[in-house]
Amino acid sequence: MKIAFHGAARAVTGSKHLITLNNGTKILLDCGLFQGMGDITNQLNESFGFNPAKVTYLILSHAHIDHCGLLPRLVAEGFSGTIYCTPATKDLAGILMLDSAKIQMQDAEYANKKNKQPGVVAVPLYTDQDVQRTISQFKTIPYEQDFKIDNHITVRFTDAGHIVGSAAVHLRINENDKETRITFSGDVGRYGDLLLKSPQTFPQADYIILESTYGDSLHVDVEAIENLLLQIITQTCLEKKGKIVIPAFSVGRTQELLYALNSLELKGQLPDIPYYVDSPLSLEATQVLKDHPDVYNNGVKEIMKVDRDIFDFKGLKFIESVEESKALNDDPQPCVIISSSGMAEGGRVRHHIRNNISDKRNTILMVGYASPGSLAGRLIGGQKRVWLFGQDYDVIAEVRSIKSMSAHGDYEDLLQFLTGQDPTKVRQLFLVHGEYDVQLKFAERVRNAGFKNVAIPEYHQEFEL
């Protein structure tokens, strides 16, 4: 048996891990889009490093686009097998993939209008028709149910606490009368998350594939998230009469922000200003979360006894049309604008940043992980000039960050995720989904916890299990 790492290898996007059995069966764990990696992003997304038609099964950990966003291209290039995931992941992935296809088709159309070179035609990675074919190949499995996908392979999902539907994947593979147990963490959430249940313990594994996004960080803020938001809104909107622009992923981060703002209203502390969610996708994603209340932690369930809609409050408006979105640029009144994408690499938020970044009254607020090369990452890093829509802009607005709002666990969360394991029985632990310098530091922490065989795979590197 072999495993090869075709994405999220010494990087944080493009999750793809291919297990090949001795009989030729191929199991692909995730099939994510590469994002925020500069000029090579398109090149990485156009080549898998393996033949999609030869993949037998696909197991999807969760619906974030860097984990599911290349599934339609995989299908378009010949993958005809079943895609296994949790019910909520299927609901979310369909929405996100359709949105991704729409953006790519629009981008290709725009590029072809601008292109003057004869014979050069831009094409999207996939179309909405590819997405519909992909959705037809999904099969859902509830949490904590052993499911045999064939005579040799059993899969089990446990709650990873990252976003609605997110799962750690546990495989039991029988070859030549020998059972091998492989766990893929997907993305590991927070213990004590605002909304979701904590990650579940999981059965003993022989091999573990573990994300490491925050492997060198602790999510420690002096104050609670609600207090930090209140402080920033007060300073920017009430005192400076400015606007706050928050790049936020449509799934997970936006709902956590809405929940925190709703909590301020329940306490009678929410400033009386407009709050806009400028992302049609966020509205759909919020509804999916409402449709799966079983993922909420006990604290949220208690709040729901007195507040039936934990994502709604006075002053909130979801912006759907492009015309409404553009109108926000001409509205001088203080407000909060939440818009995707979280790394500010695409979507309407880039327009809001462009229109507000050079005014000292305003604040650009980051609320989660951003790869260093992304616009959000460069702003967090202190860059003083940014290139947007063909023009340089001075960064005069205040740039703030609330790292504790990340849906990814910090290194203490990741180590806690491993506590149910006997390290002496884990033959190899692979670190994925992290920047290499972060992974080197986290590898030492994992070794100190007793896991002696720790590897940090390179892109396309293959290991014998």
Protein backbone atom coordinates (compact mmCIF):
# COMPACT_ATOMS: atom_id res chain seq x y z
CA MET A 1 0.00 0.00 0.00
CA LYS A 2 1.20 3.50 -0.87
CA ILE A 3 0.17 7.08 -0.14
CA ALA A 4 1.06 10.13 -2.24
CA PHE A 5 0.51 13.77 -1.32
CA HIS A 6 -0.71 15.79 -4.31
CA GLY A 7 -1.80 18.93 -2.45
CA ALA A 8 -1.64 20.68 0.92
CA ALA A 9 1.96 19.45 1.05
CA ARG A 10 4.10 22.09 2.78
CA ALA A 11 1.23 24.46 1.92
CA VAL A 12 -2.26 25.13 3.25
CA THR A 13 -4.49 24.61 0.22
CA GLY A 14 -5.27 22.07 -2.48
CA SER A 15 -5.84 19.09 -0.16
CA LYS A 16 -5.36 15.79 -2.10
CA HIS A 17 -3.95 12.58 -0.64
CA LEU A 18 -4.02 9.41 -2.75
CA ILE A 19 -3.90 5.93 -1.20
CA THR A 20 -3.14 3.06 -3.61
CA LEU A 21 -3.79 -0.50 -2.50
CA ASN A 22 -1.78 -3.48 -3.71
CA ASN A 23 -4.75 -4.61 -5.83
CA GLY A 24 -4.81 -1.25 -7.66
CA THR A 25 -7.73 0.31 -5.78
CA LYS A 26 -7.16 4.05 -5.39
CA ILE A 27 -8.76 6.11 -2.59
CA LEU A 28 -8.47 9.88 -2.88
CA LEU A 29 -8.86 11.86 0.35
CA ASP A 30 -10.24 15.30 -0.60
CA CYS A 31 -9.81 17.09 -3.92
CA GLY A 32 -9.31 20.75 -3.11
CA LEU A 33 -8.64 23.89 -5.09
CA PHE A 34 -5.30 25.64 -4.65
CA GLN A 35 -5.81 29.24 -3.50
CA GLY A 36 -3.66 32.26 -2.69
CA MET A 37 -0.38 30.85 -4.02
CA GLY A 38 0.41 33.58 -6.52
CA ASP A 39 1.22 32.99 -10.18
CA ILE A 40 1.53 29.19 -9.86
CA THR A 41 -2.03 28.76 -8.56
CA ASN A 42 -3.58 28.16 -11.99
CA GLN A 43 -0.84 25.74 -12.96
CA LEU A 44 -1.34 23.71 -9.78
CA ASN A 45 -5.10 23.56 -10.34
CA GLU A 46 -4.73 22.34 -13.92
CA SER A 47 -2.64 19.26 -13.14
CA PHE A 48 -3.49 16.58 -10.58
CA GLY A 49 -0.30 14.56 -10.71
CA PHE A 50 -2.37 11.38 -11.24
CA ASN A 51 -5.01 10.06 -13.65
CA PRO A 52 -8.52 11.00 -12.36
CA ALA A 53 -10.08 8.13 -14.32
CA LYS A 54 -8.02 5.63 -12.29
CA VAL A 55 -9.35 6.85 -8.91
CA THR A 56 -11.78 4.31 -7.43
CA TYR A 57 -13.29 6.19 -4.47
CA LEU A 58 -13.26 9.76 -3.16
CA ILE A 59 -13.69 10.51 0.54
CA LEU A 60 -14.37 14.15 1.38
CA SER A 61 -13.57 15.49 4.85
CA HIS A 62 -15.51 18.76 4.56
CA ALA A 63 -16.87 21.37 2.18
CA HIS A 64 -14.30 24.17 2.25
CA ILE A 65 -13.25 24.92 -1.31
CA ASP A 66 -9.58 24.06 -0.67
CA HIS A 67 -10.82 20.53 0.12
CA CYS A 68 -13.67 20.03 -2.39
CA GLY A 69 -13.11 22.71 -5.05
CA LEU A 70 -11.48 20.53 -7.72
CA LEU A 71 -13.98 17.68 -7.51
CA PRO A 72 -15.88 18.84 -10.63
CA ARG A 73 -12.64 18.93 -12.64
CA LEU A 74 -11.79 15.45 -11.35
CA VAL A 75 -15.19 14.28 -12.65
CA ALA A 76 -14.78 16.15 -15.95
CA GLU A 77 -11.45 14.36 -16.47
CA GLY A 78 -12.86 10.89 -15.93
CA PHE A 79 -13.51 10.13 -12.27
CA SER A 80 -16.76 8.12 -12.14
CA GLY A 81 -16.65 6.67 -8.64
CA THR A 82 -18.61 7.48 -5.48
CA ILE A 83 -17.86 10.53 -3.32
CA TYR A 84 -18.43 9.77 0.37
CA CYS A 85 -19.09 12.51 2.94
CA THR A 86 -21.45 13.55 5.76
CA PRO A 87 -24.95 14.85 4.90
CA ALA A 88 -24.15 18.47 5.83
CA THR A 89 -20.96 18.36 3.76
CA LYS A 90 -22.96 17.33 0.70
CA ASP A 91 -25.35 20.26 1.22
CA LEU A 92 -22.52 22.77 1.60
CA ALA A 93 -20.25 21.38 -1.08
CA GLY A 94 -22.97 21.65 -3.72
CA ILE A 95 -23.47 25.34 -2.95
CA LEU A 96 -19.75 26.13 -2.87
CA MET A 97 -18.87 24.24 -6.04
CA LEU A 98 -21.66 25.93 -7.99
CA ASP A 99 -20.43 29.29 -6.79
CA SER A 100 -16.86 28.39 -7.77
CA ALA A 101 -18.00 27.31 -11.24
CA LYS A 102 -19.90 30.58 -11.69
CA ILE A 103 -16.82 32.63 -10.80
CA GLN A 104 -14.58 30.63 -13.13
CA MET A 105 -17.02 30.88 -16.03
CA GLN A 106 -17.32 34.64 -15.51
CA ASP A 107 -13.54 35.03 -15.27
CA ALA A 108 -13.04 33.08 -18.49
CA GLU A 109 -15.68 35.16 -20.28
CA TYR A 110 -14.03 38.39 -19.09
CA ALA A 111 -10.56 37.18 -20.12
CA ASN A 112 -11.79 36.28 -23.61
CA LYS A 113 -13.33 39.72 -24.04
CA LYS A 114 -10.03 41.37 -23.11
CA ASN A 115 -7.81 38.96 -25.01
CA LYS A 116 -6.45 40.24 -28.33
CA GLN A 117 -4.31 37.21 -29.24
CA PRO A 118 -5.85 35.06 -31.99
CA GLY A 119 -6.32 31.43 -31.10
CA VAL A 120 -5.89 31.96 -27.34
CA VAL A 121 -9.09 31.09 -25.48
CA ALA A 122 -9.54 31.08 -21.71
CA VAL A 123 -11.58 28.17 -20.35
CA PRO A 124 -12.82 27.58 -16.79
CA LEU A 125 -11.49 24.69 -14.72
CA TYR A 126 -15.06 23.38 -14.78
CA THR A 127 -18.62 24.44 -15.49
CA ASP A 128 -21.91 24.30 -13.59
CA GLN A 129 -22.78 21.19 -15.60
CA ASP A 130 -19.65 19.49 -14.26
CA VAL A 131 -20.79 20.41 -10.75
CA GLN A 132 -24.22 18.85 -11.30
CA ARG A 133 -22.59 15.61 -12.48
CA THR A 134 -20.35 15.67 -9.43
CA ILE A 135 -23.25 16.12 -7.01
CA SER A 136 -24.96 13.07 -8.53
CA GLN A 137 -21.96 10.95 -7.43
CA PHE A 138 -22.23 11.88 -3.73
CA LYS A 139 -23.24 9.33 -1.08
CA THR A 140 -23.67 10.43 2.53
CA ILE A 141 -22.66 8.58 5.71
CA PRO A 142 -23.66 9.82 9.19
CA TYR A 143 -21.09 10.38 11.93
CA GLU A 144 -19.93 7.36 13.94
CA GLN A 145 -21.21 4.72 11.55
CA ASP A 146 -18.92 2.03 10.12
CA PHE A 147 -19.63 1.79 6.39
CA LYS A 148 -18.11 -0.81 4.09
CA ILE A 149 -17.41 0.74 0.70
CA ASP A 150 -16.18 -2.63 -0.58
CA ASN A 151 -15.01 -5.97 0.83
CA HIS A 152 -11.64 -4.53 1.81
CA ILE A 153 -12.39 -0.96 2.95
CA THR A 154 -14.47 0.39 5.85
CA VAL A 155 -14.86 4.13 6.48
CA ARG A 156 -16.03 5.94 9.62
CA PHE A 157 -16.55 9.67 10.15
CA THR A 158 -16.12 11.47 13.47
CA ASP A 159 -16.93 15.14 14.07
CA ALA A 160 -13.86 17.33 13.51
CA GLY A 161 -15.52 20.47 14.92
CA HIS A 162 -14.21 22.66 12.08
CA ILE A 163 -17.34 23.64 10.13
CA VAL A 164 -20.80 22.16 9.82
CA GLY A 165 -20.41 18.61 8.50
CA SER A 166 -16.63 18.49 8.89
CA ALA A 167 -15.23 15.06 9.64
CA ALA A 168 -12.08 13.22 10.47
CA VAL A 169 -11.88 10.17 8.19
CA HIS A 170 -11.00 6.75 9.60
CA LEU A 171 -10.21 3.91 7.20
CA ARG A 172 -9.80 0.23 7.95
CA ILE A 173 -8.20 -1.47 4.96
CA ASN A 174 -7.76 -5.24 4.75
CA GLU A 175 -5.08 -6.60 2.44
CA ASN A 176 -3.63 -10.10 2.51
CA ASP A 177 -5.32 -10.87 5.86
CA LYS A 178 -3.75 -7.76 7.42
CA GLU A 179 -5.74 -4.72 8.64
CA THR A 180 -4.27 -1.22 8.31
CA ARG A 181 -5.94 1.70 10.12
CA ILE A 182 -5.50 5.15 8.58
CA THR A 183 -6.88 8.40 10.03
CA PHE A 184 -7.08 11.64 8.05
CA SER A 185 -7.90 14.58 10.29
CA GLY A 186 -9.32 16.83 7.59
CA ASP A 187 -9.21 20.22 9.31
CA VAL A 188 -9.36 20.11 13.10
CA GLY A 189 -11.57 22.65 14.85
CA ARG A 190 -11.36 24.36 18.22
CA TYR A 191 -12.07 22.88 21.62
CA GLY A 192 -14.56 25.35 23.09
CA ASP A 193 -15.65 26.79 19.73
CA LEU A 194 -18.32 29.52 19.83
CA LEU A 195 -20.80 27.46 17.80
CA LEU A 196 -19.73 23.90 17.20
CA LYS A 197 -19.07 20.78 19.23
CA SER A 198 -15.46 19.97 20.03
CA PRO A 199 -13.58 17.43 17.88
CA GLN A 200 -14.35 13.84 18.84
CA THR A 201 -11.85 11.25 20.02
CA PHE A 202 -11.18 8.55 17.45
CA PRO A 203 -10.09 4.90 17.27
CA GLN A 204 -6.43 3.90 17.40
CA ALA A 205 -4.67 4.41 14.07
CA ASP A 206 -1.56 2.93 12.49
CA TYR A 207 -1.06 6.00 10.28
CA ILE A 208 -2.30 9.54 10.86
CA ILE A 209 -2.50 12.37 8.32
CA LEU A 210 -2.79 15.53 10.42
CA GLU A 211 -3.37 19.15 9.44
CA SER A 212 -0.95 21.68 10.95
CA THR A 213 -2.14 25.13 9.89
CA TYR A 214 -1.58 26.70 13.33
CA GLY A 215 1.12 24.30 14.48
CA ASP A 216 3.20 27.12 15.97
CA SER A 217 0.41 29.35 17.33
CA LEU A 218 -1.90 29.69 20.29
CA HIS A 219 -5.25 31.42 19.78
CA VAL A 220 -4.98 33.58 22.85
CA ASP A 221 -6.81 36.90 22.98
CA VAL A 222 -6.94 38.86 26.21
CA GLU A 223 -10.65 39.47 25.78
CA ALA A 224 -13.64 37.49 24.54
CA ILE A 225 -14.45 37.78 20.83
CA GLU A 226 -17.62 39.76 21.54
CA ASN A 227 -15.64 42.30 23.58
CA LEU A 228 -13.00 42.67 20.86
CA LEU A 229 -15.66 43.20 18.21
CA LEU A 230 -17.44 45.76 20.40
CA GLN A 231 -14.17 47.61 21.00
CA ILE A 232 -13.31 47.77 17.29
CA ILE A 233 -16.86 48.79 16.26
CA THR A 234 -16.91 51.51 18.93
CA GLN A 235 -13.53 52.93 17.93
CA THR A 236 -14.08 52.80 14.17
CA CYS A 237 -17.80 53.42 13.67
CA LEU A 238 -18.80 55.51 16.67
CA GLU A 239 -15.65 57.50 17.42
CA LYS A 240 -13.99 57.85 13.98
CA LYS A 241 -17.26 57.61 11.98
CA GLY A 242 -15.62 55.06 9.70
CA LYS A 243 -16.43 51.70 8.16
CA ILE A 244 -15.23 48.24 9.07
CA VAL A 245 -14.57 45.79 6.24
CA ILE A 246 -14.26 42.16 7.34
CA PRO A 247 -13.06 39.58 4.80
CA ALA A 248 -14.75 36.38 5.99
CA PHE A 249 -15.30 32.96 4.51
CA SER A 250 -18.94 32.40 3.63
CA VAL A 251 -18.92 29.11 5.53
CA GLY A 252 -18.04 29.10 9.19
CA ARG A 253 -16.45 32.47 9.80
CA THR A 254 -19.42 34.57 8.70
CA GLN A 255 -21.81 32.56 10.90
CA GLU A 256 -19.46 32.87 13.88
CA LEU A 257 -19.35 36.64 13.42
CA LEU A 258 -23.13 36.84 13.21
CA TYR A 259 -23.47 34.74 16.34
CA ALA A 260 -21.02 36.99 18.23
CA LEU A 261 -22.83 40.15 17.10
CA ASN A 262 -26.17 38.59 18.03
CA SER A 263 -24.75 37.85 21.49
CA LEU A 264 -23.89 41.53 21.89
CA GLU A 265 -27.47 42.44 21.03
CA LEU A 266 -28.81 39.95 23.58
CA LYS A 267 -26.64 41.73 26.18
CA GLY A 268 -27.91 45.14 25.03
CA GLN A 269 -24.42 46.21 23.90
CA LEU A 270 -24.58 46.13 20.08
CA PRO A 271 -24.04 49.62 18.58
CA ASP A 272 -26.98 50.87 16.53
CA ILE A 273 -25.40 50.97 13.06
CA PRO A 274 -26.01 49.00 9.83
CA TYR A 275 -24.43 45.54 9.53
CA TYR A 276 -24.16 44.13 6.00
CA VAL A 277 -23.31 40.63 4.85
CA ASP A 278 -22.36 41.19 1.23
CA SER A 279 -22.23 37.62 -0.01
CA PRO A 280 -25.18 35.71 -1.50
CA LEU A 281 -23.27 32.52 -0.74
CA SER A 282 -23.19 33.37 2.98
CA LEU A 283 -26.98 33.49 3.07
CA GLU A 284 -27.18 29.96 1.65
CA ALA A 285 -24.43 28.69 3.94
CA THR A 286 -26.15 30.16 6.99
CA GLN A 287 -29.32 28.31 6.04
CA VAL A 288 -27.39 25.02 5.79
CA LEU A 289 -26.10 25.54 9.32
CA LYS A 290 -29.66 26.24 10.51
CA ASP A 291 -30.75 23.00 8.80
CA HIS A 292 -28.23 20.96 10.84
CA PRO A 293 -28.65 22.14 14.46
CA ASP A 294 -27.23 18.83 15.72
CA VAL A 295 -23.71 20.27 15.22
CA TYR A 296 -24.21 23.07 17.79
CA ASN A 297 -22.51 22.83 21.18
CA ASN A 298 -24.51 22.85 24.42
CA GLY A 299 -23.94 26.56 25.02
CA VAL A 300 -25.57 27.46 21.70
CA LYS A 301 -28.46 25.10 22.39
CA GLU A 302 -29.10 26.94 25.66
CA ILE A 303 -29.13 30.32 23.84
CA MET A 304 -31.63 28.92 21.34
CA LYS A 305 -34.11 28.38 24.17
CA VAL A 306 -34.47 32.19 24.40
CA ASP A 307 -33.45 33.20 20.84
CA ARG A 308 -34.72 31.04 18.00
CA ASP A 309 -32.53 32.70 15.34
CA ILE A 310 -28.96 33.03 16.63
CA PHE A 311 -27.75 34.59 13.36
CA ASP A 312 -30.14 37.56 13.19
CA PHE A 313 -30.19 40.89 15.01
CA LYS A 314 -31.29 44.50 14.62
CA GLY A 315 -29.54 46.32 11.77
CA LEU A 316 -28.49 43.20 9.87
CA LYS A 317 -29.05 43.02 6.12
CA PHE A 318 -27.92 40.42 3.60
CA ILE A 319 -26.84 42.02 0.31
CA GLU A 320 -27.62 39.90 -2.74
CA SER A 321 -27.58 42.06 -5.88
CA VAL A 322 -24.49 43.64 -7.43
CA GLU A 323 -26.33 46.98 -7.48
CA GLU A 324 -26.86 46.89 -3.70
CA SER A 325 -23.23 45.95 -3.19
CA LYS A 326 -22.00 48.88 -5.28
CA ALA A 327 -24.34 51.25 -3.42
CA LEU A 328 -22.42 50.57 -0.20
CA ASN A 329 -19.42 52.35 -1.72
CA ASP A 330 -21.37 55.60 -2.01
CA ASP A 331 -22.99 55.41 1.43
CA PRO A 332 -20.96 57.61 3.81
CA GLN A 333 -22.53 56.37 7.05
CA PRO A 334 -20.51 54.20 9.47
CA CYS A 335 -21.23 50.51 9.06
CA VAL A 336 -19.82 46.99 9.24
CA ILE A 337 -19.41 45.08 5.96
CA ILE A 338 -18.79 41.32 6.13
CA SER A 339 -17.89 39.94 2.72
CA SER A 340 -16.09 36.95 1.21
CA SER A 341 -13.54 35.71 0.53
CA GLY A 342 -11.70 35.24 3.82
CA MET A 343 -8.25 35.66 2.27
CA ALA A 344 -9.51 38.59 0.15
CA GLU A 345 -8.35 36.78 -2.97
CA GLY A 346 -11.64 37.14 -4.81
CA GLY A 347 -15.24 38.18 -4.49
CA ARG A 348 -16.90 41.44 -3.53
CA VAL A 349 -14.67 42.08 -0.52
CA ARG A 350 -11.82 43.19 -2.78
CA HIS A 351 -13.99 46.05 -4.04
CA HIS A 352 -14.83 47.07 -0.48
CA ILE A 353 -11.16 46.98 0.49
CA ARG A 354 -10.24 49.09 -2.52
CA ASN A 355 -12.86 51.68 -1.61
CA ASN A 356 -11.97 51.89 2.07
CA ILE A 357 -8.29 51.09 2.47
CA SER A 358 -6.95 54.61 1.97
CA ASP A 359 -9.14 56.32 4.58
CA LYS A 360 -7.72 56.58 8.11
CA ARG A 361 -11.21 56.43 9.63
CA ASN A 362 -11.74 52.87 8.41
CA THR A 363 -10.62 49.46 9.66
CA ILE A 364 -9.87 46.27 7.70
CA LEU A 365 -10.45 43.44 10.18
CA MET A 366 -9.10 39.91 9.56
CA VAL A 367 -10.81 37.12 11.46
CA GLY A 368 -9.05 33.90 10.50
CA TYR A 369 -6.15 32.28 8.69
CA ALA A 370 -4.77 33.93 5.58
CA SER A 371 -1.86 32.50 3.61
CA PRO A 372 1.09 34.93 3.53
CA GLY A 373 0.82 35.49 -0.23
CA SER A 374 -2.88 36.38 -0.19
CA LEU A 375 -4.12 39.99 0.01
CA ALA A 376 -5.36 39.41 3.56
CA GLY A 377 -2.04 37.82 4.51
CA ARG A 378 -0.06 40.73 3.09
CA LEU A 379 -2.19 43.23 4.97
CA ILE A 380 -1.73 41.31 8.22
CA GLY A 381 2.00 41.28 7.48
CA GLY A 382 2.08 45.08 7.40
CA GLN A 383 2.32 45.79 3.66
CA LYS A 384 1.84 49.53 3.09
CA ARG A 385 0.82 49.49 -0.58
CA VAL A 386 -1.40 46.93 -2.32
CA TRP A 387 -2.27 46.33 -5.96
CA LEU A 388 -6.00 46.11 -6.64
CA PHE A 389 -7.80 46.17 -9.99
CA GLY A 390 -4.78 47.50 -11.87
CA GLN A 391 -3.84 50.23 -9.43
CA ASP A 392 -1.69 50.75 -6.33
CA TYR A 393 -3.41 51.83 -3.10
CA ASP A 394 -1.81 53.15 0.07
CA VAL A 395 -2.79 51.24 3.20
CA ILE A 396 -3.93 54.07 5.44
CA ALA A 397 -6.90 52.36 7.10
CA GLU A 398 -6.15 50.52 10.33
CA VAL A 399 -5.53 46.79 9.87
CA ARG A 400 -6.62 44.56 12.77
CA SER A 401 -6.74 40.82 13.32
CA ILE A 402 -8.62 38.47 15.66
CA LYS A 403 -6.69 35.23 15.25
CA SER A 404 -8.74 33.37 17.84
CA MET A 405 -11.66 33.31 15.39
CA SER A 406 -9.91 30.77 13.20
CA ALA A 407 -11.85 27.56 12.61
CA HIS A 408 -8.52 25.74 12.77
CA GLY A 409 -7.26 24.50 16.11
CA ASP A 410 -3.99 25.87 17.46
CA TYR A 411 -1.12 23.58 18.47
CA GLU A 412 -2.72 22.77 21.83
CA ASP A 413 -5.97 21.81 20.07
CA LEU A 414 -4.07 19.64 17.59
CA LEU A 415 -2.16 17.89 20.38
CA GLN A 416 -5.41 17.38 22.28
CA PHE A 417 -6.89 15.82 19.13
CA LEU A 418 -4.15 13.17 19.37
CA THR A 419 -4.54 12.41 23.08
CA GLY A 420 -6.73 9.34 22.53
CA GLN A 421 -3.91 7.67 20.60
CA ASP A 422 -1.15 5.42 21.89
CA PRO A 423 1.87 7.03 20.16
CA THR A 424 3.85 3.76 20.27
CA LYS A 425 1.22 2.14 18.02
CA VAL A 426 1.30 4.92 15.37
CA ARG A 427 3.79 3.80 12.72
CA GLN A 428 3.92 7.15 10.92
CA LEU A 429 2.34 10.57 11.37
CA PHE A 430 2.22 12.82 8.30
CA LEU A 431 1.86 16.58 8.69
CA VAL A 432 -0.09 18.29 5.90
CA HIS A 433 -2.00 21.54 5.35
CA GLY A 434 0.58 23.89 6.83
CA GLU A 435 3.43 26.22 5.91
CA TYR A 436 6.75 24.33 6.04
CA ASP A 437 8.39 26.48 8.73
CA VAL A 438 5.30 26.05 10.92
CA GLN A 439 5.32 22.30 10.33
CA LEU A 440 8.95 21.98 11.39
CA LYS A 441 8.13 23.56 14.74
CA PHE A 442 4.99 21.49 15.21
CA ALA A 443 6.83 18.28 14.31
CA GLU A 444 9.00 18.79 17.39
CA ARG A 445 5.94 19.21 19.58
CA VAL A 446 4.43 16.03 18.16
CA ARG A 447 7.67 14.10 18.74
CA ASN A 448 7.80 15.38 22.31
CA ALA A 449 4.27 13.98 22.72
CA GLY A 450 5.64 10.53 21.90
CA PHE A 451 5.05 10.26 18.14
CA LYS A 452 8.57 9.42 16.98
CA ASN A 453 8.00 8.89 13.25
CA VAL A 454 6.84 12.25 11.90
CA ALA A 455 7.08 13.12 8.20
CA ILE A 456 6.40 16.38 6.35
CA PRO A 457 5.62 15.27 2.78
CA GLU A 458 6.74 17.26 -0.25
CA TYR A 459 4.40 17.96 -3.15
CA HIS A 460 3.73 14.67 -5.05
CA GLN A 461 5.93 12.68 -2.61
CA GLU A 462 4.95 9.03 -2.23
CA PHE A 463 5.41 6.76 0.81
CA GLU A 464 5.17 3.01 1.24
CA LEU A 465 2.89 2.05 4.15
